[in-house]
Amino acid sequence: MAKLLQVDFEFNGPFGEEMATAMVELAESINREPGMIWKIWTESEKDQLGGGIYLFEDEASAQVYLEMHTARLQKMGIGEVRGYIFDINQPLSAINNSPVTP
């Protein structure tokens, strides 16, 4: 069953187009992670936050990625990484035009 992973952390930038340019290689590498289906990159320059919302094939893949990504971010000097793995309520999500299908 597909799982949603939400990650966020304090982030001082870059943001916007500068972030898009700087993170291309990282974004491409994420596509090669086992079980990863898609990612939406999130950012808030106002609140100094970065993160993402991911869809993984299963909980095990999401958990392995979260552990690896947390370690990677900490090596980059980011302290607290908040990560949560969620089930998806398919019937309600379908009502709201979710791109996630059963």
N, C-alpha and C. Protein backbone atom coordinates (compact mmCIF):
# COMPACT_ATOMS: atom_id res chain seq x y z
N MET A 1 0.84 -1.18 0.00
CA MET A 1 0.00 0.00 0.00
C MET A 1 0.88 1.25 0.00
N ALA A 2 0.59 2.19 -0.87
CA ALA A 2 1.37 3.43 -0.99
C ALA A 2 1.32 4.22 0.32
N LYS A 3 2.43 4.88 0.60
CA LYS A 3 2.55 5.71 1.81
C LYS A 3 3.04 7.09 1.42
N LEU A 4 2.53 8.08 2.13
CA LEU A 4 2.95 9.46 1.94
C LEU A 4 3.97 9.79 3.02
N LEU A 5 5.07 10.41 2.63
CA LEU A 5 6.10 10.86 3.56
C LEU A 5 6.15 12.37 3.51
N GLN A 6 6.04 13.00 4.67
CA GLN A 6 6.14 14.46 4.78
C GLN A 6 7.42 14.77 5.56
N VAL A 7 8.26 15.61 5.01
CA VAL A 7 9.52 16.00 5.65
C VAL A 7 9.63 17.51 5.65
N ASP A 8 10.07 18.09 6.78
CA ASP A 8 10.40 19.51 6.79
C ASP A 8 11.51 19.77 7.79
N PHE A 9 12.19 20.89 7.59
CA PHE A 9 13.35 21.24 8.41
C PHE A 9 13.66 22.72 8.22
N GLU A 10 14.38 23.29 9.19
CA GLU A 10 14.81 24.67 9.07
C GLU A 10 15.81 24.76 7.92
N PHE A 11 15.63 25.78 7.08
CA PHE A 11 16.44 25.89 5.87
C PHE A 11 16.63 27.37 5.54
N ASN A 12 17.89 27.76 5.34
CA ASN A 12 18.21 29.16 5.08
C ASN A 12 18.36 29.48 3.60
N GLY A 13 18.01 28.56 2.75
CA GLY A 13 18.07 28.80 1.32
C GLY A 13 19.21 28.07 0.68
N PRO A 14 19.27 28.16 -0.61
CA PRO A 14 18.56 29.06 -1.50
C PRO A 14 17.10 28.66 -1.71
N PHE A 15 16.32 29.59 -2.24
CA PHE A 15 14.90 29.37 -2.51
C PHE A 15 14.59 29.69 -3.97
N GLY A 16 13.41 29.28 -4.40
CA GLY A 16 12.92 29.61 -5.73
C GLY A 16 13.81 29.10 -6.84
N GLU A 17 14.02 29.95 -7.85
CA GLU A 17 14.81 29.56 -9.02
C GLU A 17 16.24 29.19 -8.64
N GLU A 18 16.79 29.91 -7.67
CA GLU A 18 18.16 29.60 -7.23
C GLU A 18 18.23 28.20 -6.65
N MET A 19 17.22 27.82 -5.87
CA MET A 19 17.16 26.47 -5.32
C MET A 19 17.00 25.45 -6.44
N ALA A 20 16.13 25.74 -7.40
CA ALA A 20 15.89 24.82 -8.51
C ALA A 20 17.18 24.55 -9.28
N THR A 21 17.97 25.56 -9.48
CA THR A 21 19.23 25.39 -10.19
C THR A 21 20.23 24.61 -9.35
N ALA A 22 20.32 24.93 -8.08
CA ALA A 22 21.31 24.30 -7.19
C ALA A 22 21.01 22.84 -6.88
N MET A 23 19.75 22.44 -6.93
CA MET A 23 19.36 21.11 -6.46
C MET A 23 19.01 20.12 -7.57
N VAL A 24 19.35 20.43 -8.80
CA VAL A 24 19.00 19.53 -9.92
C VAL A 24 19.56 18.13 -9.72
N GLU A 25 20.84 18.03 -9.39
CA GLU A 25 21.44 16.70 -9.21
C GLU A 25 20.79 15.94 -8.08
N LEU A 26 20.49 16.61 -6.98
CA LEU A 26 19.81 15.95 -5.87
C LEU A 26 18.43 15.47 -6.30
N ALA A 27 17.69 16.31 -7.02
CA ALA A 27 16.36 15.92 -7.48
C ALA A 27 16.44 14.70 -8.39
N GLU A 28 17.41 14.67 -9.28
CA GLU A 28 17.56 13.53 -10.17
C GLU A 28 17.92 12.26 -9.41
N SER A 29 18.74 12.39 -8.37
CA SER A 29 19.12 11.21 -7.58
C SER A 29 17.94 10.64 -6.80
N ILE A 30 17.02 11.51 -6.38
CA ILE A 30 15.86 11.05 -5.63
C ILE A 30 15.00 10.13 -6.48
N ASN A 31 14.97 10.36 -7.80
CA ASN A 31 14.21 9.49 -8.70
C ASN A 31 14.72 8.06 -8.71
N ARG A 32 15.95 7.86 -8.29
CA ARG A 32 16.53 6.51 -8.28
C ARG A 32 16.36 5.80 -6.94
N GLU A 33 15.72 6.44 -5.97
CA GLU A 33 15.53 5.81 -4.66
C GLU A 33 14.50 4.68 -4.76
N PRO A 34 14.81 3.52 -4.18
CA PRO A 34 13.88 2.40 -4.25
C PRO A 34 12.51 2.75 -3.67
N GLY A 35 11.47 2.44 -4.42
CA GLY A 35 10.10 2.63 -3.95
C GLY A 35 9.55 4.04 -4.11
N MET A 36 10.38 5.02 -4.53
CA MET A 36 9.91 6.39 -4.67
C MET A 36 9.09 6.52 -5.95
N ILE A 37 7.88 7.09 -5.82
CA ILE A 37 7.00 7.30 -6.97
C ILE A 37 7.09 8.74 -7.44
N TRP A 38 6.93 9.70 -6.52
CA TRP A 38 7.07 11.12 -6.85
C TRP A 38 7.37 11.92 -5.60
N LYS A 39 7.82 13.16 -5.85
CA LYS A 39 8.10 14.10 -4.77
C LYS A 39 7.60 15.48 -5.18
N ILE A 40 7.04 16.20 -4.23
CA ILE A 40 6.74 17.62 -4.37
C ILE A 40 7.68 18.35 -3.43
N TRP A 41 8.49 19.25 -3.98
CA TRP A 41 9.42 20.02 -3.17
C TRP A 41 8.66 21.16 -2.51
N THR A 42 8.91 21.37 -1.22
CA THR A 42 8.26 22.46 -0.49
C THR A 42 9.32 23.42 0.04
N GLU A 43 8.94 24.71 0.10
CA GLU A 43 9.85 25.72 0.61
C GLU A 43 9.05 26.91 1.13
N SER A 44 9.60 27.56 2.15
CA SER A 44 9.02 28.78 2.66
C SER A 44 10.16 29.71 3.05
N GLU A 45 10.44 30.66 2.18
CA GLU A 45 11.50 31.62 2.50
C GLU A 45 11.10 32.44 3.72
N LYS A 46 9.82 32.77 3.81
CA LYS A 46 9.32 33.57 4.93
C LYS A 46 9.58 32.88 6.27
N ASP A 47 9.32 31.58 6.33
CA ASP A 47 9.48 30.83 7.58
C ASP A 47 10.81 30.10 7.67
N GLN A 48 11.64 30.23 6.61
CA GLN A 48 12.94 29.57 6.57
C GLN A 48 12.81 28.06 6.75
N LEU A 49 11.96 27.45 5.91
CA LEU A 49 11.73 26.01 5.94
C LEU A 49 11.92 25.42 4.56
N GLY A 50 12.40 24.19 4.54
CA GLY A 50 12.48 23.40 3.32
C GLY A 50 11.90 22.04 3.60
N GLY A 51 11.63 21.28 2.55
CA GLY A 51 11.13 19.94 2.76
C GLY A 51 10.50 19.37 1.52
N GLY A 52 9.65 18.38 1.73
CA GLY A 52 9.00 17.74 0.60
C GLY A 52 7.89 16.82 1.04
N ILE A 53 7.07 16.49 0.07
CA ILE A 53 6.02 15.49 0.24
C ILE A 53 6.28 14.44 -0.82
N TYR A 54 6.39 13.21 -0.39
CA TYR A 54 6.78 12.11 -1.26
C TYR A 54 5.69 11.05 -1.26
N LEU A 55 5.60 10.33 -2.35
CA LEU A 55 4.77 9.14 -2.40
C LEU A 55 5.70 7.95 -2.64
N PHE A 56 5.61 6.98 -1.74
CA PHE A 56 6.41 5.75 -1.85
C PHE A 56 5.49 4.55 -2.04
N GLU A 57 6.02 3.51 -2.64
CA GLU A 57 5.26 2.29 -2.89
C GLU A 57 4.79 1.63 -1.61
N ASP A 58 5.59 1.74 -0.54
CA ASP A 58 5.25 1.06 0.71
C ASP A 58 5.95 1.74 1.88
N GLU A 59 5.57 1.33 3.07
CA GLU A 59 6.12 1.95 4.28
C GLU A 59 7.60 1.67 4.45
N ALA A 60 8.03 0.46 4.11
CA ALA A 60 9.45 0.12 4.27
C ALA A 60 10.32 1.05 3.42
N SER A 61 9.94 1.29 2.19
CA SER A 61 10.71 2.19 1.31
C SER A 61 10.73 3.61 1.87
N ALA A 62 9.60 4.07 2.37
CA ALA A 62 9.51 5.42 2.94
C ALA A 62 10.41 5.54 4.17
N GLN A 63 10.42 4.51 5.00
CA GLN A 63 11.23 4.54 6.23
C GLN A 63 12.72 4.53 5.90
N VAL A 64 13.13 3.69 4.97
CA VAL A 64 14.54 3.64 4.57
C VAL A 64 14.97 5.00 4.01
N TYR A 65 14.14 5.59 3.17
CA TYR A 65 14.48 6.89 2.59
C TYR A 65 14.56 7.96 3.69
N LEU A 66 13.60 7.98 4.59
CA LEU A 66 13.60 8.97 5.67
C LEU A 66 14.88 8.89 6.49
N GLU A 67 15.31 7.69 6.82
CA GLU A 67 16.54 7.53 7.61
C GLU A 67 17.76 8.02 6.83
N MET A 68 17.85 7.66 5.55
CA MET A 68 18.97 8.09 4.72
C MET A 68 18.95 9.61 4.54
N HIS A 69 17.78 10.16 4.25
CA HIS A 69 17.66 11.59 3.99
C HIS A 69 17.96 12.41 5.24
N THR A 70 17.51 11.93 6.39
CA THR A 70 17.80 12.61 7.66
C THR A 70 19.31 12.68 7.88
N ALA A 71 19.99 11.56 7.67
CA ALA A 71 21.46 11.54 7.84
C ALA A 71 22.13 12.49 6.84
N ARG A 72 21.65 12.50 5.60
CA ARG A 72 22.22 13.39 4.58
C ARG A 72 22.04 14.85 4.97
N LEU A 73 20.84 15.22 5.41
CA LEU A 73 20.58 16.60 5.82
C LEU A 73 21.43 17.00 7.02
N GLN A 74 21.58 16.08 7.96
CA GLN A 74 22.39 16.39 9.14
C GLN A 74 23.86 16.61 8.76
N LYS A 75 24.35 15.85 7.76
CA LYS A 75 25.72 16.08 7.27
C LYS A 75 25.84 17.45 6.62
N MET A 76 24.72 17.98 6.11
CA MET A 76 24.71 19.31 5.49
C MET A 76 24.55 20.41 6.54
N GLY A 77 24.50 20.03 7.83
CA GLY A 77 24.41 21.02 8.89
C GLY A 77 22.99 21.32 9.36
N ILE A 78 22.02 20.58 8.88
CA ILE A 78 20.63 20.79 9.30
C ILE A 78 20.39 19.97 10.56
N GLY A 79 19.88 20.62 11.59
CA GLY A 79 19.68 19.96 12.88
C GLY A 79 18.49 19.03 12.89
N GLU A 80 17.36 19.57 13.26
CA GLU A 80 16.15 18.75 13.42
C GLU A 80 15.46 18.54 12.08
N VAL A 81 15.24 17.27 11.75
CA VAL A 81 14.49 16.90 10.55
C VAL A 81 13.22 16.23 11.04
N ARG A 82 12.08 16.78 10.64
CA ARG A 82 10.79 16.20 11.02
C ARG A 82 10.25 15.39 9.85
N GLY A 83 10.01 14.11 10.09
CA GLY A 83 9.50 13.24 9.05
C GLY A 83 8.35 12.40 9.57
N TYR A 84 7.28 12.33 8.79
CA TYR A 84 6.09 11.57 9.18
C TYR A 84 5.63 10.73 8.00
N ILE A 85 5.28 9.50 8.27
CA ILE A 85 4.76 8.60 7.24
C ILE A 85 3.27 8.43 7.49
N PHE A 86 2.49 8.65 6.44
CA PHE A 86 1.04 8.62 6.55
C PHE A 86 0.42 7.57 5.63
N ASP A 87 -0.70 7.01 6.09
CA ASP A 87 -1.59 6.27 5.22
C ASP A 87 -2.39 7.28 4.42
N ILE A 88 -2.95 6.85 3.31
CA ILE A 88 -3.76 7.73 2.47
C ILE A 88 -5.20 7.24 2.49
N ASN A 89 -6.12 8.10 2.84
CA ASN A 89 -7.54 7.76 2.79
C ASN A 89 -7.99 7.94 1.34
N GLN A 90 -8.02 6.83 0.61
CA GLN A 90 -8.30 6.87 -0.82
C GLN A 90 -9.69 7.43 -1.16
N PRO A 91 -10.77 6.97 -0.49
CA PRO A 91 -12.10 7.48 -0.87
C PRO A 91 -12.23 9.00 -0.72
N LEU A 92 -11.75 9.55 0.39
CA LEU A 92 -11.83 11.00 0.58
C LEU A 92 -10.89 11.74 -0.36
N SER A 93 -9.71 11.18 -0.57
CA SER A 93 -8.76 11.82 -1.48
C SER A 93 -9.30 11.86 -2.91
N ALA A 94 -10.01 10.83 -3.32
CA ALA A 94 -10.59 10.81 -4.67
C ALA A 94 -11.62 11.92 -4.83
N ILE A 95 -12.39 12.19 -3.80
CA ILE A 95 -13.38 13.27 -3.85
C ILE A 95 -12.70 14.61 -4.14
N ASN A 96 -11.47 14.76 -3.60
CA ASN A 96 -10.74 16.02 -3.75
C ASN A 96 -9.71 15.98 -4.88
N ASN A 97 -9.95 15.11 -5.87
CA ASN A 97 -9.12 15.05 -7.08
C ASN A 97 -7.64 14.69 -6.83
N SER A 98 -7.40 13.84 -5.86
CA SER A 98 -6.03 13.41 -5.56
C SER A 98 -5.39 12.74 -6.77
N PRO A 99 -4.09 12.99 -6.98
CA PRO A 99 -3.40 12.28 -8.04
C PRO A 99 -3.04 10.85 -7.64
N VAL A 100 -3.30 10.50 -6.40
CA VAL A 100 -2.96 9.17 -5.88
C VAL A 100 -4.15 8.24 -6.11
N THR A 101 -3.91 7.19 -6.86
CA THR A 101 -4.98 6.23 -7.14
C THR A 101 -4.70 4.92 -6.42
N PRO A 102 -5.76 4.19 -6.10
CA PRO A 102 -5.56 2.92 -5.39
C PRO A 102 -4.79 1.91 -6.20
